[in-house]
Amino acid sequence: MLRSQLSPLLRVVGVAMMIVGAAPSSAQTTGDSTAGQQLFTTTLSPQCSGCHSTTTPAAANSLTSIRNAITNRATPAGAAGTMSFAKALEALNAALTGTTLGGAVTGMNGFYTLTTTQRGDLAAYIAGLAGPAPILSYTPTGGAIFIATAVGASSNATVTIRNTGTAPLTFAMNNAVTIATGGDATDFRIASATCNPGSTLAPNSGSCTITATFTPAAGASLTRTASIGIATTTSTSLVPMQGSVSVPAAAAPPTGSANPPSSGGGGALPWPAVILAVACLAFVRRPLVGDRP
């Protein structure tokens, strides 16, 4: 008799514990979708992706179909036609209790023992939120701008590199900082850099510098452009460079020149005009036939 009285009580307690375990933290507002993807496709056993394909959107119960169902359904966490971390977490917690928000049986109760952080990471991945990533930024924002430089002379310009993203930025081990091909690349070279191969910039912390040298060769163009190539473990970025070629001022005629150029006004006549005047004078003074001295 005692056993028969305890059985319903134990069932109620078990369900209550399951619901409490599935309840999201009220302070939880986001997660790491990169970590969530790892959990979904690799870490958890059995793997979520084994039942919910991440590569075949048309498959039954695919991740795409789950996202669509969450988006289309109006719930306490959000209106129909919207997707958010809160809606994804609400749907995940319901599924883990064994029944979806739509009332379908999932059979997932008892599959996993997840921490609050893991639930948040999975929800962030299901919601399709962008994961942490580094962002390479540079100053000046216009890149390396060089002063006007004469052909054959040199000038330097320095740019500062920072990581304004949410994950560490690590420079590549090979060719971390180079002059990218194209443009007037031969007029530029890397003079020095503290963005060392394999070094890391933490998010919003620290910086490194790159100094380039501009040595313009002879040519018709007075503006030369190229880029600094920066290779990291996740991407390659280009920092623009621009240099201008200075042209020497035109030489003035020497002071006291014996034959200064005519200005078209008063002053000495040019030689052709002098010769013509002398010739005309000689002609006028010739004696005419029949004239007597």
C-alpha atoms as a PDB file:
ATOM      1  CA  MET A   1       0.000   0.000   0.000  1.00  0.00           C
ATOM      2  CA  LEU A   2       2.815   2.379   0.893  1.00  0.00           C
ATOM      3  CA  ARG A   3       4.533   1.595  -2.384  1.00  0.00           C
ATOM      4  CA  SER A   4       1.367   2.298  -4.365  1.00  0.00           C
ATOM      5  CA  GLN A   5       1.017   5.663  -2.598  1.00  0.00           C
ATOM      6  CA  LEU A   6       4.645   6.653  -3.238  1.00  0.00           C
ATOM      7  CA  SER A   7       4.717   5.799  -6.975  1.00  0.00           C
ATOM      8  CA  PRO A   8       2.559   8.757  -8.126  1.00  0.00           C
ATOM      9  CA  LEU A   9       4.480  11.052  -5.803  1.00  0.00           C
ATOM     10  CA  LEU A  10       7.806   9.920  -7.213  1.00  0.00           C
ATOM     11  CA  ARG A  11       6.558  10.461 -10.743  1.00  0.00           C
ATOM     12  CA  VAL A  12       5.497  14.006  -9.906  1.00  0.00           C
ATOM     13  CA  VAL A  13       8.837  14.739  -8.251  1.00  0.00           C
ATOM     14  CA  GLY A  14      10.708  13.351 -11.263  1.00  0.00           C
ATOM     15  CA  VAL A  15       8.769  15.515 -13.704  1.00  0.00           C
ATOM     16  CA  ALA A  16       9.254  18.561 -11.489  1.00  0.00           C
ATOM     17  CA  MET A  17      13.006  17.974 -11.334  1.00  0.00           C
ATOM     18  CA  MET A  18      13.130  17.599 -15.111  1.00  0.00           C
ATOM     19  CA  ILE A  19      11.282  20.871 -15.624  1.00  0.00           C
ATOM     20  CA  VAL A  20      13.475  22.690 -13.121  1.00  0.00           C
ATOM     21  CA  GLY A  21      16.594  21.318 -14.826  1.00  0.00           C
ATOM     22  CA  ALA A  22      15.292  22.566 -18.177  1.00  0.00           C
ATOM     23  CA  ALA A  23      14.401  26.059 -17.017  1.00  0.00           C
ATOM     24  CA  PRO A  24      16.641  28.736 -18.468  1.00  0.00           C
ATOM     25  CA  SER A  25      18.549  31.156 -16.288  1.00  0.00           C
ATOM     26  CA  SER A  26      16.736  34.475 -16.111  1.00  0.00           C
ATOM     27  CA  ALA A  27      20.053  36.261 -16.543  1.00  0.00           C
ATOM     28  CA  GLN A  28      21.012  34.308 -19.654  1.00  0.00           C
ATOM     29  CA  THR A  29      20.837  36.553 -22.709  1.00  0.00           C
ATOM     30  CA  THR A  30      23.320  35.093 -25.166  1.00  0.00           C
ATOM     31  CA  GLY A  31      25.784  32.298 -25.818  1.00  0.00           C
ATOM     32  CA  ASP A  32      28.808  31.328 -27.882  1.00  0.00           C
ATOM     33  CA  SER A  33      27.498  29.950 -31.171  1.00  0.00           C
ATOM     34  CA  THR A  34      30.920  28.557 -32.110  1.00  0.00           C
ATOM     35  CA  ALA A  35      30.960  26.475 -28.933  1.00  0.00           C
ATOM     36  CA  GLY A  36      27.317  25.585 -29.579  1.00  0.00           C
ATOM     37  CA  GLN A  37      28.165  24.282 -33.043  1.00  0.00           C
ATOM     38  CA  GLN A  38      30.891  22.114 -31.541  1.00  0.00           C
ATOM     39  CA  LEU A  39      28.413  20.704 -29.031  1.00  0.00           C
ATOM     40  CA  PHE A  40      25.754  20.125 -31.688  1.00  0.00           C
ATOM     41  CA  THR A  41      27.975  18.411 -34.258  1.00  0.00           C
ATOM     42  CA  THR A  42      30.719  16.733 -32.245  1.00  0.00           C
ATOM     43  CA  THR A  43      30.835  16.860 -28.453  1.00  0.00           C
ATOM     44  CA  LEU A  44      27.449  15.615 -27.275  1.00  0.00           C
ATOM     45  CA  SER A  45      26.709  11.911 -27.380  1.00  0.00           C
ATOM     46  CA  PRO A  46      24.530  11.023 -29.153  1.00  0.00           C
ATOM     47  CA  GLN A  47      25.350  13.824 -31.573  1.00  0.00           C
ATOM     48  CA  CYS A  48      22.519  16.259 -32.231  1.00  0.00           C
ATOM     49  CA  SER A  49      23.494  16.385 -35.904  1.00  0.00           C
ATOM     50  CA  GLY A  50      22.867  12.649 -36.139  1.00  0.00           C
ATOM     51  CA  CYS A  51      19.124  13.324 -35.957  1.00  0.00           C
ATOM     52  CA  HIS A  52      19.099  16.947 -37.111  1.00  0.00           C
ATOM     53  CA  SER A  53      21.108  17.308 -40.313  1.00  0.00           C
ATOM     54  CA  THR A  54      23.192  20.447 -40.670  1.00  0.00           C
ATOM     55  CA  THR A  55      24.061  19.761 -44.324  1.00  0.00           C
ATOM     56  CA  THR A  56      20.717  18.730 -45.871  1.00  0.00           C
ATOM     57  CA  PRO A  57      18.125  21.451 -45.267  1.00  0.00           C
ATOM     58  CA  ALA A  58      15.292  19.409 -46.827  1.00  0.00           C
ATOM     59  CA  ALA A  59      15.839  16.440 -44.501  1.00  0.00           C
ATOM     60  CA  ALA A  60      13.205  15.708 -41.874  1.00  0.00           C
ATOM     61  CA  ASN A  61      13.979  17.452 -38.576  1.00  0.00           C
ATOM     62  CA  SER A  62      17.010  19.213 -40.123  1.00  0.00           C
ATOM     63  CA  LEU A  63      18.524  22.170 -38.317  1.00  0.00           C
ATOM     64  CA  THR A  64      17.030  24.392 -41.022  1.00  0.00           C
ATOM     65  CA  SER A  65      13.519  23.041 -40.390  1.00  0.00           C
ATOM     66  CA  ILE A  66      13.974  23.540 -36.632  1.00  0.00           C
ATOM     67  CA  ARG A  67      14.996  27.143 -37.186  1.00  0.00           C
ATOM     68  CA  ASN A  68      12.011  27.703 -39.461  1.00  0.00           C
ATOM     69  CA  ALA A  69       9.607  26.229 -36.893  1.00  0.00           C
ATOM     70  CA  ILE A  70      11.016  28.454 -34.133  1.00  0.00           C
ATOM     71  CA  THR A  71      10.817  31.509 -36.379  1.00  0.00           C
ATOM     72  CA  ASN A  72       7.254  30.875 -37.521  1.00  0.00           C
ATOM     73  CA  ARG A  73       5.794  30.124 -34.083  1.00  0.00           C
ATOM     74  CA  ALA A  74       4.604  32.868 -31.732  1.00  0.00           C
ATOM     75  CA  THR A  75       5.711  32.133 -28.173  1.00  0.00           C
ATOM     76  CA  PRO A  76       6.079  34.019 -24.906  1.00  0.00           C
ATOM     77  CA  ALA A  77       9.688  34.707 -25.945  1.00  0.00           C
ATOM     78  CA  GLY A  78       8.854  36.342 -29.262  1.00  0.00           C
ATOM     79  CA  ALA A  79       6.365  37.041 -32.022  1.00  0.00           C
ATOM     80  CA  ALA A  80       5.820  34.896 -35.105  1.00  0.00           C
ATOM     81  CA  GLY A  81       8.210  35.653 -37.923  1.00  0.00           C
ATOM     82  CA  THR A  82      11.092  36.431 -35.605  1.00  0.00           C
ATOM     83  CA  MET A  83      14.170  34.538 -34.451  1.00  0.00           C
ATOM     84  CA  SER A  84      16.102  35.381 -31.318  1.00  0.00           C
ATOM     85  CA  PHE A  85      18.323  33.834 -28.697  1.00  0.00           C
ATOM     86  CA  ALA A  86      15.389  33.867 -26.261  1.00  0.00           C
ATOM     87  CA  LYS A  87      13.102  31.982 -28.657  1.00  0.00           C
ATOM     88  CA  ALA A  88      15.803  29.410 -29.480  1.00  0.00           C
ATOM     89  CA  LEU A  89      16.559  28.834 -25.792  1.00  0.00           C
ATOM     90  CA  GLU A  90      12.841  28.496 -25.004  1.00  0.00           C
ATOM     91  CA  ALA A  91      12.437  25.877 -27.761  1.00  0.00           C
ATOM     92  CA  LEU A  92      15.594  24.018 -26.706  1.00  0.00           C
ATOM     93  CA  ASN A  93      14.515  23.794 -23.075  1.00  0.00           C
ATOM     94  CA  ALA A  94      11.089  22.510 -24.086  1.00  0.00           C
ATOM     95  CA  ALA A  95      12.608  19.876 -26.393  1.00  0.00           C
ATOM     96  CA  LEU A  96      14.931  18.652 -23.643  1.00  0.00           C
ATOM     97  CA  THR A  97      11.915  17.914 -21.434  1.00  0.00           C
ATOM     98  CA  GLY A  98      10.609  15.535 -24.100  1.00  0.00           C
ATOM     99  CA  THR A  99       8.003  17.692 -25.873  1.00  0.00           C
ATOM    100  CA  THR A 100       8.352  20.595 -28.292  1.00  0.00           C
ATOM    101  CA  LEU A 101       6.470  23.860 -27.882  1.00  0.00           C
ATOM    102  CA  GLY A 102       4.195  22.575 -30.624  1.00  0.00           C
ATOM    103  CA  GLY A 103       3.392  19.427 -28.596  1.00  0.00           C
ATOM    104  CA  ALA A 104       5.484  16.925 -30.575  1.00  0.00           C
ATOM    105  CA  VAL A 105       7.286  14.241 -28.583  1.00  0.00           C
ATOM    106  CA  THR A 106      11.070  14.564 -28.899  1.00  0.00           C
ATOM    107  CA  GLY A 107      12.221  11.658 -26.758  1.00  0.00           C
ATOM    108  CA  MET A 108      15.129  13.794 -25.612  1.00  0.00           C
ATOM    109  CA  ASN A 109      14.346  13.790 -21.915  1.00  0.00           C
ATOM    110  CA  GLY A 110      17.232  12.188 -20.080  1.00  0.00           C
ATOM    111  CA  PHE A 111      19.562  12.310 -23.090  1.00  0.00           C
ATOM    112  CA  TYR A 112      21.822  15.088 -21.882  1.00  0.00           C
ATOM    113  CA  THR A 113      22.907  16.754 -18.676  1.00  0.00           C
ATOM    114  CA  LEU A 114      23.706  20.275 -19.798  1.00  0.00           C
ATOM    115  CA  THR A 115      25.006  23.253 -17.882  1.00  0.00           C
ATOM    116  CA  THR A 116      23.394  26.656 -18.236  1.00  0.00           C
ATOM    117  CA  THR A 117      26.342  27.773 -20.373  1.00  0.00           C
ATOM    118  CA  GLN A 118      25.994  24.783 -22.703  1.00  0.00           C
ATOM    119  CA  ARG A 119      22.281  25.457 -23.146  1.00  0.00           C
ATOM    120  CA  GLY A 120      23.070  29.052 -24.002  1.00  0.00           C
ATOM    121  CA  ASP A 121      25.734  28.043 -26.496  1.00  0.00           C
ATOM    122  CA  LEU A 122      23.394  25.578 -28.204  1.00  0.00           C
ATOM    123  CA  ALA A 123      20.626  28.172 -28.334  1.00  0.00           C
ATOM    124  CA  ALA A 124      23.001  30.721 -29.884  1.00  0.00           C
ATOM    125  CA  TYR A 125      23.949  28.191 -32.566  1.00  0.00           C
ATOM    126  CA  ILE A 126      20.343  27.204 -33.236  1.00  0.00           C
ATOM    127  CA  ALA A 127      19.412  30.883 -33.521  1.00  0.00           C
ATOM    128  CA  GLY A 128      22.187  31.344 -36.081  1.00  0.00           C
ATOM    129  CA  LEU A 129      23.950  34.028 -34.104  1.00  0.00           C
ATOM    130  CA  ALA A 130      27.448  34.992 -35.213  1.00  0.00           C
ATOM    131  CA  GLY A 131      30.165  33.495 -33.071  1.00  0.00           C
ATOM    132  CA  PRO A 132      33.144  35.328 -31.607  1.00  0.00           C
ATOM    133  CA  ALA A 133      35.593  36.495 -34.260  1.00  0.00           C
ATOM    134  CA  PRO A 134      38.602  38.810 -34.467  1.00  0.00           C
ATOM    135  CA  ILE A 135      38.345  42.075 -36.410  1.00  0.00           C
ATOM    136  CA  LEU A 136      41.534  43.689 -37.704  1.00  0.00           C
ATOM    137  CA  SER A 137      41.392  47.496 -37.580  1.00  0.00           C
ATOM    138  CA  TYR A 138      44.033  50.079 -38.430  1.00  0.00           C
ATOM    139  CA  THR A 139      44.793  53.738 -37.895  1.00  0.00           C
ATOM    140  CA  PRO A 140      45.018  56.150 -39.585  1.00  0.00           C
ATOM    141  CA  THR A 141      41.742  54.990 -41.105  1.00  0.00           C
ATOM    142  CA  GLY A 142      42.946  56.064 -44.548  1.00  0.00           C
ATOM    143  CA  GLY A 143      45.972  53.795 -44.313  1.00  0.00           C
ATOM    144  CA  ALA A 144      49.606  54.803 -44.825  1.00  0.00           C
ATOM    145  CA  ILE A 145      49.821  58.256 -46.426  1.00  0.00           C
ATOM    146  CA  PHE A 146      53.306  59.472 -47.402  1.00  0.00           C
ATOM    147  CA  ILE A 147      54.504  63.041 -47.789  1.00  0.00           C
ATOM    148  CA  ALA A 148      55.409  64.283 -51.285  1.00  0.00           C
ATOM    149  CA  THR A 149      58.680  62.584 -52.178  1.00  0.00           C
ATOM    150  CA  ALA A 150      61.104  63.258 -55.025  1.00  0.00           C
ATOM    151  CA  VAL A 151      62.088  60.509 -57.431  1.00  0.00           C
ATOM    152  CA  GLY A 152      64.889  58.494 -55.846  1.00  0.00           C
ATOM    153  CA  ALA A 153      64.290  59.931 -52.363  1.00  0.00           C
ATOM    154  CA  SER A 154      62.470  58.079 -49.541  1.00  0.00           C
ATOM    155  CA  SER A 155      59.846  58.770 -46.875  1.00  0.00           C
ATOM    156  CA  ASN A 156      58.227  56.612 -44.172  1.00  0.00           C
ATOM    157  CA  ALA A 157      54.663  56.161 -42.862  1.00  0.00           C
ATOM    158  CA  THR A 158      53.407  54.029 -39.968  1.00  0.00           C
ATOM    159  CA  VAL A 159      50.059  52.334 -39.322  1.00  0.00           C
ATOM    160  CA  THR A 160      48.847  50.890 -36.006  1.00  0.00           C
ATOM    161  CA  ILE A 161      47.016  47.550 -35.977  1.00  0.00           C
ATOM    162  CA  ARG A 162      44.379  46.631 -33.353  1.00  0.00           C
ATOM    163  CA  ASN A 163      41.882  43.821 -32.759  1.00  0.00           C
ATOM    164  CA  THR A 164      38.403  45.287 -32.280  1.00  0.00           C
ATOM    165  CA  GLY A 165      36.633  41.915 -32.459  1.00  0.00           C
ATOM    166  CA  THR A 166      35.514  39.410 -29.837  1.00  0.00           C
ATOM    167  CA  ALA A 167      38.127  36.667 -30.299  1.00  0.00           C
ATOM    168  CA  PRO A 168      41.960  36.661 -30.326  1.00  0.00           C
ATOM    169  CA  LEU A 169      43.660  37.747 -33.564  1.00  0.00           C
ATOM    170  CA  THR A 170      46.764  35.686 -34.354  1.00  0.00           C
ATOM    171  CA  PHE A 171      49.208  36.593 -37.116  1.00  0.00           C
ATOM    172  CA  ALA A 172      50.268  33.895 -39.561  1.00  0.00           C
ATOM    173  CA  MET A 173      53.611  32.187 -39.112  1.00  0.00           C
ATOM    174  CA  ASN A 174      54.650  32.876 -42.720  1.00  0.00           C
ATOM    175  CA  ASN A 175      54.417  36.188 -44.590  1.00  0.00           C
ATOM    176  CA  ALA A 176      52.450  37.851 -41.823  1.00  0.00           C
ATOM    177  CA  VAL A 177      53.263  41.340 -43.174  1.00  0.00           C
ATOM    178  CA  THR A 178      54.125  41.928 -46.836  1.00  0.00           C
ATOM    179  CA  ILE A 179      53.662  44.399 -49.680  1.00  0.00           C
ATOM    180  CA  ALA A 180      50.729  43.029 -51.670  1.00  0.00           C
ATOM    181  CA  THR A 181      51.176  42.609 -55.406  1.00  0.00           C
ATOM    182  CA  GLY A 182      49.525  45.079 -57.759  1.00  0.00           C
ATOM    183  CA  GLY A 183      49.475  48.818 -58.211  1.00  0.00           C
ATOM    184  CA  ASP A 184      52.835  50.494 -57.693  1.00  0.00           C
ATOM    185  CA  ALA A 185      54.086  47.830 -55.282  1.00  0.00           C
ATOM    186  CA  THR A 186      57.699  48.189 -56.433  1.00  0.00           C
ATOM    187  CA  ASP A 187      57.804  51.744 -55.056  1.00  0.00           C
ATOM    188  CA  PHE A 188      57.098  50.530 -51.506  1.00  0.00           C
ATOM    189  CA  ARG A 189      58.724  48.191 -48.993  1.00  0.00           C
ATOM    190  CA  ILE A 190      58.216  47.142 -45.356  1.00  0.00           C
ATOM    191  CA  ALA A 191      60.763  48.939 -43.200  1.00  0.00           C
ATOM    192  CA  SER A 192      59.833  47.391 -39.844  1.00  0.00           C
ATOM    193  CA  ALA A 193      56.913  45.731 -38.028  1.00  0.00           C
ATOM    194  CA  THR A 194      56.040  44.696 -34.492  1.00  0.00           C
ATOM    195  CA  CYS A 195      53.143  42.525 -35.734  1.00  0.00           C
ATOM    196  CA  ASN A 196      55.331  39.438 -35.419  1.00  0.00           C
ATOM    197  CA  PRO A 197      54.549  36.043 -36.983  1.00  0.00           C
ATOM    198  CA  GLY A 198      52.554  33.890 -34.566  1.00  0.00           C
ATOM    199  CA  SER A 199      51.901  36.746 -32.130  1.00  0.00           C
ATOM    200  CA  THR A 200      48.381  37.414 -30.852  1.00  0.00           C
ATOM    201  CA  LEU A 201      46.333  40.536 -30.156  1.00  0.00           C
ATOM    202  CA  ALA A 202      43.625  40.032 -27.551  1.00  0.00           C
ATOM    203  CA  PRO A 203      40.191  41.556 -28.244  1.00  0.00           C
ATOM    204  CA  ASN A 204      40.252  45.316 -27.640  1.00  0.00           C
ATOM    205  CA  SER A 205      43.636  45.066 -25.958  1.00  0.00           C
ATOM    206  CA  GLY A 206      47.095  45.908 -27.248  1.00  0.00           C
ATOM    207  CA  SER A 207      48.336  46.889 -30.687  1.00  0.00           C
ATOM    208  CA  CYS A 208      51.272  46.549 -33.058  1.00  0.00           C
ATOM    209  CA  THR A 209      52.749  48.782 -35.753  1.00  0.00           C
ATOM    210  CA  ILE A 210      53.938  48.508 -39.341  1.00  0.00           C
ATOM    211  CA  THR A 211      56.256  51.074 -40.956  1.00  0.00           C
ATOM    212  CA  ALA A 212      56.555  51.198 -44.741  1.00  0.00           C
ATOM    213  CA  THR A 213      59.003  53.119 -46.935  1.00  0.00           C
ATOM    214  CA  PHE A 214      58.066  54.932 -50.162  1.00  0.00           C
ATOM    215  CA  THR A 215      60.824  55.391 -52.767  1.00  0.00           C
ATOM    216  CA  PRO A 216      59.265  56.508 -56.056  1.00  0.00           C
ATOM    217  CA  ALA A 217      60.952  55.541 -59.298  1.00  0.00           C
ATOM    218  CA  ALA A 218      60.876  57.731 -62.400  1.00  0.00           C
ATOM    219  CA  GLY A 219      57.535  57.658 -64.163  1.00  0.00           C
ATOM    220  CA  ALA A 220      54.696  59.746 -65.518  1.00  0.00           C
ATOM    221  CA  SER A 221      52.288  59.217 -62.620  1.00  0.00           C
ATOM    222  CA  LEU A 222      52.575  61.636 -59.714  1.00  0.00           C
ATOM    223  CA  THR A 223      50.411  59.439 -57.429  1.00  0.00           C
ATOM    224  CA  ARG A 224      51.546  55.936 -56.461  1.00  0.00           C
ATOM    225  CA  THR A 225      49.375  53.406 -54.599  1.00  0.00           C
ATOM    226  CA  ALA A 226      49.800  49.904 -53.157  1.00  0.00           C
ATOM    227  CA  SER A 227      48.697  47.874 -50.116  1.00  0.00           C
ATOM    228  CA  ILE A 228      50.194  46.211 -47.066  1.00  0.00           C
ATOM    229  CA  GLY A 229      49.055  42.588 -46.851  1.00  0.00           C
ATOM    230  CA  ILE A 230      48.450  41.279 -43.319  1.00  0.00           C
ATOM    231  CA  ALA A 231      47.892  37.529 -42.956  1.00  0.00           C
ATOM    232  CA  THR A 232      46.265  36.060 -39.839  1.00  0.00           C
ATOM    233  CA  THR A 233      45.173  32.533 -39.026  1.00  0.00           C
ATOM    234  CA  THR A 234      41.602  33.391 -40.080  1.00  0.00           C
ATOM    235  CA  SER A 235      41.906  35.848 -42.986  1.00  0.00           C
ATOM    236  CA  THR A 236      44.044  38.281 -44.972  1.00  0.00           C
ATOM    237  CA  SER A 237      43.546  42.047 -44.751  1.00  0.00           C
ATOM    238  CA  LEU A 238      44.845  44.884 -46.918  1.00  0.00           C
ATOM    239  CA  VAL A 239      45.922  48.289 -45.621  1.00  0.00           C
ATOM    240  CA  PRO A 240      46.030  50.934 -48.408  1.00  0.00           C
ATOM    241  CA  MET A 241      49.101  53.095 -49.049  1.00  0.00           C
ATOM    242  CA  GLN A 242      49.381  56.268 -51.096  1.00  0.00           C
ATOM    243  CA  GLY A 243      52.395  58.371 -51.956  1.00  0.00           C
ATOM    244  CA  SER A 244      52.814  61.442 -54.169  1.00  0.00           C
ATOM    245  CA  VAL A 245      55.834  62.341 -56.278  1.00  0.00           C
ATOM    246  CA  SER A 246      57.161  65.878 -55.846  1.00  0.00           C
ATOM    247  CA  VAL A 247      58.254  67.717 -58.991  1.00  0.00           C
ATOM    248  CA  PRO A 248      61.142  70.303 -58.918  1.00  0.00           C
ATOM    249  CA  ALA A 249      60.082  73.884 -59.704  1.00  0.00           C
ATOM    250  CA  ALA A 250      60.994  75.200 -63.216  1.00  0.00           C
ATOM    251  CA  ALA A 251      64.419  76.962 -63.250  1.00  0.00           C
ATOM    252  CA  ALA A 252      64.272  80.796 -63.594  1.00  0.00           C
ATOM    253  CA  PRO A 253      66.426  82.471 -66.321  1.00  0.00           C
ATOM    254  CA  PRO A 254      69.814  83.709 -65.037  1.00  0.00           C
ATOM    255  CA  THR A 255      69.941  87.316 -63.842  1.00  0.00           C
ATOM    256  CA  GLY A 256      71.606  89.791 -66.292  1.00  0.00           C
ATOM    257  CA  SER A 257      71.223  87.614 -69.370  1.00  0.00           C
ATOM    258  CA  ALA A 258      72.687  89.196 -72.488  1.00  0.00           C
ATOM    259  CA  ASN A 259      69.641  88.243 -74.515  1.00  0.00           C
ATOM    260  CA  PRO A 260      66.660  87.994 -72.187  1.00  0.00           C
ATOM    261  CA  PRO A 261      63.474  86.746 -73.807  1.00  0.00           C
ATOM    262  CA  SER A 262      61.210  89.441 -75.188  1.00  0.00           C
ATOM    263  CA  SER A 263      58.118  90.177 -73.146  1.00  0.00           C
ATOM    264  CA  GLY A 264      56.346  91.692 -76.123  1.00  0.00           C
ATOM    265  CA  GLY A 265      56.539  95.171 -74.543  1.00  0.00           C
ATOM    266  CA  GLY A 266      59.336  97.760 -74.437  1.00  0.00           C
ATOM    267  CA  GLY A 267      63.026  96.981 -74.133  1.00  0.00           C
ATOM    268  CA  ALA A 268      65.616  95.680 -76.564  1.00  0.00           C
ATOM    269  CA  LEU A 269      64.432  94.290 -79.878  1.00  0.00           C
ATOM    270  CA  PRO A 270      65.060  90.645 -80.682  1.00  0.00           C
ATOM    271  CA  TRP A 271      67.955  89.998 -83.128  1.00  0.00           C
ATOM    272  CA  PRO A 272      65.728  89.161 -86.144  1.00  0.00           C
ATOM    273  CA  ALA A 273      64.030  92.543 -85.859  1.00  0.00           C
ATOM    274  CA  VAL A 274      67.387  94.370 -85.608  1.00  0.00           C
ATOM    275  CA  ILE A 275      68.742  92.664 -88.734  1.00  0.00           C
ATOM    276  CA  LEU A 276      65.570  93.531 -90.688  1.00  0.00           C
ATOM    277  CA  ALA A 277      65.776  97.159 -89.627  1.00  0.00           C
ATOM    278  CA  VAL A 278      69.416  97.484 -90.760  1.00  0.00           C
ATOM    279  CA  ALA A 279      68.615  95.918 -94.141  1.00  0.00           C
ATOM    280  CA  CYS A 280      65.727  98.320 -94.729  1.00  0.00           C
ATOM    281  CA  LEU A 281      67.923 101.311 -93.825  1.00  0.00           C
ATOM    282  CA  ALA A 282      70.607 100.217 -96.284  1.00  0.00           C
ATOM    283  CA  PHE A 283      68.039  99.885 -99.065  1.00  0.00           C
ATOM    284  CA  VAL A 284      66.627 103.350 -98.467  1.00  0.00           C
ATOM    285  CA  ARG A 285      70.078 104.931 -98.656  1.00  0.00           C
ATOM    286  CA  ARG A 286      71.011 103.350-102.055  1.00  0.00           C
ATOM    287  CA  PRO A 287      71.312 106.014-104.868  1.00  0.00           C
ATOM    288  CA  LEU A 288      68.634 105.848-107.554  1.00  0.00           C
ATOM    289  CA  VAL A 289      69.496 105.628-111.294  1.00  0.00           C
ATOM    290  CA  GLY A 290      69.955 109.098-112.764  1.00  0.00           C
ATOM    291  CA  ASP A 291      70.676 110.686-109.478  1.00  0.00           C
ATOM    292  CA  ARG A 292      73.697 112.774-109.465  1.00  0.00           C
ATOM    293  CA  PRO A 293      75.919 113.140-106.544  1.00  0.00           C
END
